[in-house]
N, C-alpha and C. Protein backbone atom coordinates (compact mmCIF):
# COMPACT_ATOMS: atom_id res chain seq x y z
N MET A 1 25.38 -60.58 -3.96
CA MET A 1 26.59 -60.51 -4.92
C MET A 1 28.13 -60.06 -4.73
N LEU A 2 28.58 -61.09 -4.16
CA LEU A 2 29.98 -59.96 -4.12
C LEU A 2 30.62 -59.54 -5.32
N SER A 3 31.39 -58.48 -4.97
CA SER A 3 32.34 -57.39 -6.09
C SER A 3 32.39 -56.54 -5.99
N VAL A 4 33.40 -55.57 -6.41
CA VAL A 4 34.22 -54.41 -6.14
C VAL A 4 33.32 -53.65 -5.80
N TYR A 5 32.05 -53.59 -5.48
CA TYR A 5 31.16 -52.43 -5.33
C TYR A 5 31.10 -53.06 -3.72
N SER A 6 30.89 -54.19 -3.55
CA SER A 6 30.59 -54.45 -2.03
C SER A 6 31.91 -53.62 -1.48
N PHE A 7 32.88 -53.83 -1.88
CA PHE A 7 34.58 -53.18 -0.88
C PHE A 7 34.17 -52.05 -1.15
N LYS A 8 33.60 -51.15 -2.47
CA LYS A 8 33.78 -49.70 -2.16
C LYS A 8 32.19 -49.52 -1.11
N GLU A 9 31.34 -49.94 -1.08
CA GLU A 9 30.50 -49.63 -0.11
C GLU A 9 30.95 -50.06 1.35
N GLY A 10 31.70 -51.08 1.72
CA GLY A 10 32.05 -51.24 3.18
C GLY A 10 32.85 -50.21 3.29
N LEU A 11 33.88 -49.35 2.27
CA LEU A 11 34.91 -48.12 3.01
C LEU A 11 33.37 -47.09 3.62
N LYS A 12 32.77 -47.24 2.36
CA LYS A 12 32.01 -45.66 3.08
C LYS A 12 31.69 -45.87 4.47
N GLU A 13 31.59 -47.22 4.94
CA GLU A 13 31.16 -47.71 6.64
C GLU A 13 32.60 -47.97 6.89
N SER A 14 33.40 -47.65 6.62
CA SER A 14 34.89 -47.39 7.42
C SER A 14 35.06 -49.49 7.70
N LYS A 15 34.81 -50.24 6.95
CA LYS A 15 34.95 -51.81 6.81
C LYS A 15 35.71 -52.11 5.56
N LEU A 16 36.85 -52.82 5.97
CA LEU A 16 37.07 -53.45 4.84
C LEU A 16 37.04 -54.76 4.13
N LEU A 17 36.30 -55.23 3.67
CA LEU A 17 35.42 -55.71 3.24
C LEU A 17 35.65 -56.81 1.83
N GLY A 18 36.23 -58.11 2.54
CA GLY A 18 36.71 -58.80 1.25
C GLY A 18 35.36 -60.36 1.19
N CYS A 19 35.83 -61.19 0.90
CA CYS A 19 35.29 -62.72 1.16
C CYS A 19 36.26 -63.72 1.36
N VAL A 20 35.54 -65.02 2.00
CA VAL A 20 36.37 -65.84 1.88
C VAL A 20 35.43 -67.31 1.86
N CYS A 21 36.54 -67.80 1.02
CA CYS A 21 36.09 -69.25 0.07
C CYS A 21 35.62 -70.20 1.05
N SER A 22 34.16 -71.12 1.05
CA SER A 22 34.12 -72.01 1.80
C SER A 22 34.14 -73.42 1.70
N GLU A 23 35.74 -73.61 0.55
CA GLU A 23 35.49 -74.54 0.24
C GLU A 23 37.18 -74.57 0.53
N CYS A 24 38.45 -73.64 0.43
CA CYS A 24 39.42 -74.11 0.91
C CYS A 24 40.07 -72.85 1.86
N ASP A 25 38.69 -72.25 2.61
CA ASP A 25 39.20 -70.66 3.72
C ASP A 25 40.01 -69.88 2.92
N ASN A 26 40.21 -69.78 1.66
CA ASN A 26 40.93 -68.54 0.83
C ASN A 26 40.90 -67.26 1.17
N LYS A 27 41.09 -66.30 2.06
CA LYS A 27 40.32 -65.10 1.90
C LYS A 27 40.77 -64.52 1.07
N MET A 28 40.18 -63.08 0.53
CA MET A 28 40.38 -62.22 -0.52
C MET A 28 39.62 -60.98 -0.79
N LEU A 29 40.99 -59.45 -1.02
CA LEU A 29 40.45 -58.89 -1.16
C LEU A 29 40.82 -57.98 -2.56
N PRO A 30 40.15 -57.36 -2.66
CA PRO A 30 38.59 -56.91 -2.31
C PRO A 30 37.91 -58.23 -3.10
N PRO A 31 36.59 -58.88 -2.83
CA PRO A 31 35.56 -59.36 -3.17
C PRO A 31 36.06 -60.34 -4.09
N ARG A 32 35.64 -61.30 -4.80
CA ARG A 32 35.50 -61.77 -6.17
C ARG A 32 34.55 -63.05 -6.20
N MET A 33 34.08 -63.36 -7.76
CA MET A 33 32.87 -63.84 -7.73
C MET A 33 33.54 -65.62 -7.76
N ILE A 34 34.72 -65.57 -7.55
CA ILE A 34 35.39 -67.00 -7.66
C ILE A 34 36.31 -66.81 -6.91
N CYS A 35 37.21 -68.11 -6.69
CA CYS A 35 38.34 -67.86 -5.19
C CYS A 35 39.27 -68.14 -6.49
N ASN A 36 40.15 -67.12 -6.14
CA ASN A 36 41.68 -67.38 -6.95
C ASN A 36 42.29 -68.42 -6.70
N LYS A 37 41.56 -69.78 -5.65
CA LYS A 37 43.01 -70.30 -5.48
C LYS A 37 42.62 -71.73 -5.86
N CYS A 38 40.84 -71.99 -5.58
CA CYS A 38 40.17 -73.56 -6.17
C CYS A 38 39.31 -73.10 -7.31
N GLY A 39 39.34 -71.80 -7.69
CA GLY A 39 38.18 -72.00 -8.34
C GLY A 39 36.80 -72.37 -8.12
N SER A 40 36.52 -72.28 -6.68
CA SER A 40 34.98 -72.21 -6.15
C SER A 40 34.11 -70.90 -6.06
N THR A 41 32.67 -70.81 -6.12
CA THR A 41 32.10 -70.26 -6.02
C THR A 41 30.92 -69.57 -4.94
N ALA A 42 31.56 -70.74 -3.79
CA ALA A 42 31.20 -70.81 -2.40
C ALA A 42 31.61 -69.63 -1.46
N LEU A 43 31.29 -68.50 -1.70
CA LEU A 43 32.06 -67.48 -1.17
C LEU A 43 30.90 -66.57 -0.26
N THR A 44 31.66 -66.04 0.32
CA THR A 44 30.84 -65.27 1.73
C THR A 44 31.73 -64.14 1.96
N GLU A 45 30.75 -63.08 2.54
CA GLU A 45 31.58 -62.02 3.05
C GLU A 45 32.50 -61.88 4.03
N HIS A 46 33.41 -61.32 4.14
CA HIS A 46 34.85 -61.38 5.09
C HIS A 46 34.68 -60.29 5.51
N CYS A 47 35.11 -59.36 6.39
CA CYS A 47 35.11 -57.77 6.93
C CYS A 47 36.49 -58.76 7.44
N PHE A 48 37.91 -57.85 7.27
CA PHE A 48 39.00 -57.58 7.59
C PHE A 48 39.53 -56.85 8.71
N ALA A 49 40.17 -57.15 9.93
CA ALA A 49 39.96 -56.27 10.84
C ALA A 49 41.77 -54.95 10.26
N GLY A 50 42.04 -54.96 8.90
CA GLY A 50 42.85 -54.00 8.88
C GLY A 50 43.57 -53.27 9.40
N LYS A 51 44.62 -54.34 9.85
CA LYS A 51 45.86 -54.58 10.67
C LYS A 51 46.88 -54.99 10.19
N GLY A 52 47.79 -54.75 9.65
CA GLY A 52 49.19 -55.58 9.01
C GLY A 52 49.89 -55.11 9.12
N VAL A 53 50.88 -55.29 7.73
CA VAL A 53 53.03 -54.88 8.03
C VAL A 53 52.83 -54.75 6.69
N ILE A 54 53.74 -53.78 6.53
CA ILE A 54 54.68 -52.39 5.50
C ILE A 54 55.20 -53.89 4.80
N LYS A 55 54.77 -54.18 3.12
CA LYS A 55 55.78 -54.69 2.27
C LYS A 55 56.66 -54.48 1.78
N THR A 56 56.39 -53.67 0.67
CA THR A 56 57.22 -52.46 0.29
C THR A 56 55.90 -51.08 -0.01
N MET A 57 56.89 -50.18 -0.51
CA MET A 57 56.27 -48.52 -0.51
C MET A 57 56.96 -47.98 -1.82
N THR A 58 56.13 -46.92 -2.23
CA THR A 58 56.52 -45.92 -2.60
C THR A 58 56.73 -44.48 -2.85
N VAL A 59 57.29 -43.68 -2.71
CA VAL A 59 56.64 -41.71 -2.60
C VAL A 59 56.58 -41.51 -4.16
N ILE A 60 55.18 -40.61 -3.93
CA ILE A 60 54.25 -40.63 -5.07
C ILE A 60 54.80 -39.03 -4.86
N ARG A 61 55.61 -38.55 -6.24
CA ARG A 61 55.74 -36.60 -6.16
C ARG A 61 54.81 -36.31 -7.00
N VAL A 62 54.36 -36.85 -8.24
CA VAL A 62 53.86 -36.67 -9.53
C VAL A 62 51.87 -36.68 -9.25
N PRO A 63 51.11 -37.18 -8.73
CA PRO A 63 50.26 -37.23 -7.90
C PRO A 63 48.88 -37.07 -9.34
N LEU A 64 47.99 -38.06 -9.17
CA LEU A 64 46.37 -38.16 -9.13
C LEU A 64 45.93 -36.40 -9.17
N THR A 65 45.13 -36.15 -10.16
CA THR A 65 45.05 -34.38 -9.97
C THR A 65 44.41 -34.57 -8.70
N ARG A 66 42.86 -35.45 -7.92
CA ARG A 66 42.85 -36.01 -6.92
C ARG A 66 43.36 -35.39 -5.34
N PHE A 67 44.85 -36.13 -6.03
CA PHE A 67 45.53 -36.22 -4.83
C PHE A 67 46.51 -34.70 -4.09
N GLN A 68 46.44 -34.12 -5.46
CA GLN A 68 47.47 -32.69 -5.61
C GLN A 68 48.22 -32.23 -4.51
N ASP A 69 46.72 -32.27 -3.66
CA ASP A 69 47.14 -31.28 -2.31
C ASP A 69 48.06 -32.46 -1.17
N LEU A 70 48.03 -33.25 -1.48
CA LEU A 70 49.09 -34.36 -0.51
C LEU A 70 50.17 -34.51 -0.59
N SER A 71 50.78 -34.57 -1.79
CA SER A 71 51.82 -34.25 -2.70
C SER A 71 52.92 -33.65 -1.96
N PRO A 72 54.25 -34.51 -1.82
CA PRO A 72 54.02 -35.84 -1.99
C PRO A 72 53.72 -36.87 -0.79
N TYR A 73 53.16 -38.23 -1.20
CA TYR A 73 52.84 -39.17 -0.03
C TYR A 73 53.20 -40.56 -0.76
N MET A 74 52.86 -40.99 0.25
CA MET A 74 53.38 -42.78 0.33
C MET A 74 52.22 -43.79 0.28
N VAL A 75 52.85 -44.28 -1.24
CA VAL A 75 51.83 -45.84 -1.38
C VAL A 75 52.69 -46.97 -1.23
N GLY A 76 51.60 -47.98 -0.48
CA GLY A 76 52.41 -49.32 -0.91
C GLY A 76 51.51 -50.23 -0.63
N ILE A 77 52.17 -51.39 -0.49
CA ILE A 77 51.74 -53.01 -0.61
C ILE A 77 52.02 -53.35 0.74
N ILE A 78 50.21 -53.38 1.83
CA ILE A 78 50.30 -54.44 3.29
C ILE A 78 49.51 -55.61 3.08
N GLN A 79 50.88 -56.43 3.98
CA GLN A 79 50.66 -57.86 4.21
C GLN A 79 49.02 -58.20 5.25
N LEU A 80 47.82 -58.06 5.18
CA LEU A 80 47.47 -57.82 6.79
C LEU A 80 47.49 -59.18 7.38
N ASN A 81 47.05 -59.53 8.66
CA ASN A 81 47.29 -60.14 9.21
C ASN A 81 46.52 -61.40 9.46
N ASP A 82 45.07 -61.03 8.85
CA ASP A 82 44.13 -61.97 8.42
C ASP A 82 44.32 -62.13 7.22
N GLY A 83 45.17 -62.47 6.26
CA GLY A 83 44.81 -62.60 5.66
C GLY A 83 45.57 -62.16 3.81
N PRO A 84 45.14 -62.00 3.25
CA PRO A 84 45.62 -61.14 1.50
C PRO A 84 46.50 -59.49 2.11
N MET A 85 47.24 -59.15 0.52
CA MET A 85 47.94 -58.52 0.34
C MET A 85 47.22 -57.11 0.11
N ILE A 86 47.33 -55.90 0.53
CA ILE A 86 46.19 -55.15 -0.95
C ILE A 86 46.86 -53.64 -0.64
N THR A 87 47.04 -52.84 -1.63
CA THR A 87 47.71 -51.46 -1.72
C THR A 87 46.64 -50.60 -0.82
N GLY A 88 47.54 -49.72 -0.64
CA GLY A 88 47.25 -48.25 0.32
C GLY A 88 47.76 -47.45 0.01
N MET A 89 47.56 -45.92 0.49
CA MET A 89 48.17 -44.68 0.67
C MET A 89 48.36 -45.16 2.35
N ILE A 90 49.73 -44.60 2.53
CA ILE A 90 50.43 -45.03 3.87
C ILE A 90 50.45 -43.59 4.30
N LEU A 91 49.98 -42.84 5.36
CA LEU A 91 50.32 -41.58 6.03
C LEU A 91 51.31 -41.71 7.15
N GLY A 92 51.69 -40.60 7.51
CA GLY A 92 52.87 -40.36 8.17
C GLY A 92 54.09 -39.66 7.33
N GLU A 93 55.23 -39.40 8.56
CA GLU A 93 56.24 -38.70 7.62
C GLU A 93 57.12 -39.63 7.04
N LEU A 94 57.22 -38.83 5.44
CA LEU A 94 57.88 -39.86 4.66
C LEU A 94 59.10 -40.94 5.12
N ASP A 95 60.21 -39.87 5.82
CA ASP A 95 61.52 -40.02 6.17
C ASP A 95 61.51 -41.05 7.40
N LYS A 96 60.18 -41.47 8.19
CA LYS A 96 59.68 -42.40 9.15
C LYS A 96 59.26 -44.02 8.70
N ILE A 97 58.72 -43.90 7.81
CA ILE A 97 58.18 -45.05 7.33
C ILE A 97 59.23 -45.66 6.74
N LYS A 98 59.23 -47.01 7.17
CA LYS A 98 59.77 -48.06 6.48
C LYS A 98 59.23 -49.23 6.37
N ILE A 99 59.44 -50.43 5.52
CA ILE A 99 59.04 -51.24 5.46
C ILE A 99 59.59 -52.64 6.46
N GLY A 100 58.15 -53.22 6.49
CA GLY A 100 58.30 -54.08 7.94
C GLY A 100 57.34 -53.66 9.22
N ASP A 101 57.13 -51.77 8.62
CA ASP A 101 56.35 -51.36 9.82
C ASP A 101 54.95 -52.03 10.32
N ARG A 102 54.59 -51.53 11.54
CA ARG A 102 52.74 -52.37 11.60
C ARG A 102 52.31 -51.07 10.98
N VAL A 103 51.13 -50.99 10.75
CA VAL A 103 50.30 -50.12 10.13
C VAL A 103 48.27 -50.70 10.38
N GLU A 104 47.47 -49.49 10.60
CA GLU A 104 46.14 -50.20 10.71
C GLU A 104 45.88 -49.34 9.69
N ALA A 105 44.34 -50.11 9.61
CA ALA A 105 43.51 -49.31 7.78
C ALA A 105 42.93 -47.75 8.87
N VAL A 106 42.73 -46.90 7.82
CA VAL A 106 42.40 -45.60 8.04
C VAL A 106 41.62 -45.24 6.75
N TYR A 107 40.31 -44.67 7.46
CA TYR A 107 39.49 -44.00 6.13
C TYR A 107 39.39 -42.94 5.65
N LEU A 108 39.96 -42.18 4.36
CA LEU A 108 39.91 -41.35 4.42
C LEU A 108 38.46 -40.39 3.37
N ASP A 109 38.21 -39.21 3.93
CA ASP A 109 37.32 -39.00 3.50
C ASP A 109 37.27 -38.10 1.90
N GLU A 110 36.77 -38.25 0.82
CA GLU A 110 36.83 -37.90 -0.48
C GLU A 110 35.20 -37.82 -1.42
N GLY A 111 35.27 -36.65 -0.79
CA GLY A 111 33.37 -36.31 -1.14
C GLY A 111 33.15 -37.20 -0.89
N GLU A 112 31.64 -37.96 -2.02
CA GLU A 112 30.95 -39.01 -1.01
C GLU A 112 31.59 -40.25 -0.39
N GLU A 113 32.82 -40.50 -1.34
CA GLU A 113 33.56 -41.80 -1.30
C GLU A 113 34.56 -41.95 -0.32
N LYS A 114 35.41 -43.02 0.26
CA LYS A 114 36.33 -42.61 1.17
C LYS A 114 37.76 -43.70 0.78
N VAL A 115 38.56 -43.16 1.20
CA VAL A 115 39.64 -43.46 -0.03
C VAL A 115 40.59 -44.38 1.34
N LEU A 116 40.67 -45.88 1.07
CA LEU A 116 41.02 -46.62 1.97
C LEU A 116 43.05 -45.75 2.27
N ALA A 117 43.68 -45.73 3.61
CA ALA A 117 44.85 -45.05 4.05
C ALA A 117 45.40 -46.23 4.89
N PHE A 118 46.30 -46.38 5.02
CA PHE A 118 47.06 -47.27 6.51
C PHE A 118 48.07 -45.99 7.02
N LYS A 119 48.11 -46.20 8.51
CA LYS A 119 49.04 -45.22 9.54
C LYS A 119 49.78 -45.92 10.44
N PRO A 120 50.52 -45.53 10.63
CA PRO A 120 51.67 -46.40 11.78
C PRO A 120 50.76 -46.36 12.85
N VAL A 121 51.70 -47.40 13.47
CA VAL A 121 50.81 -48.10 15.05
C VAL A 121 52.09 -48.20 16.12
């Protein structure tokens, strides 16, 4: 069964796992149990390429404790080339990154887990 757990397990393998609806071809990330477009439960796993464009972004100056060493850092919403939008950390020089930049997924080690981030290409 597809779930957010599937998404987290995919990150551990440096994969961006979501799902696609067999009824309407809607692609979703993270995976869901019901299509958010047509309501179908006929969903299959889909591995996204992880490339896209920055749609919006913000600089985090007061971070969560686990990201204290990275502050300040950027977080943004990425429109993936092959489907939906997803939020992730954006790596790079803060003053050089802008909306519309092309990015690709990278997977940062965070203890036993991995964190999704994007870097400019």
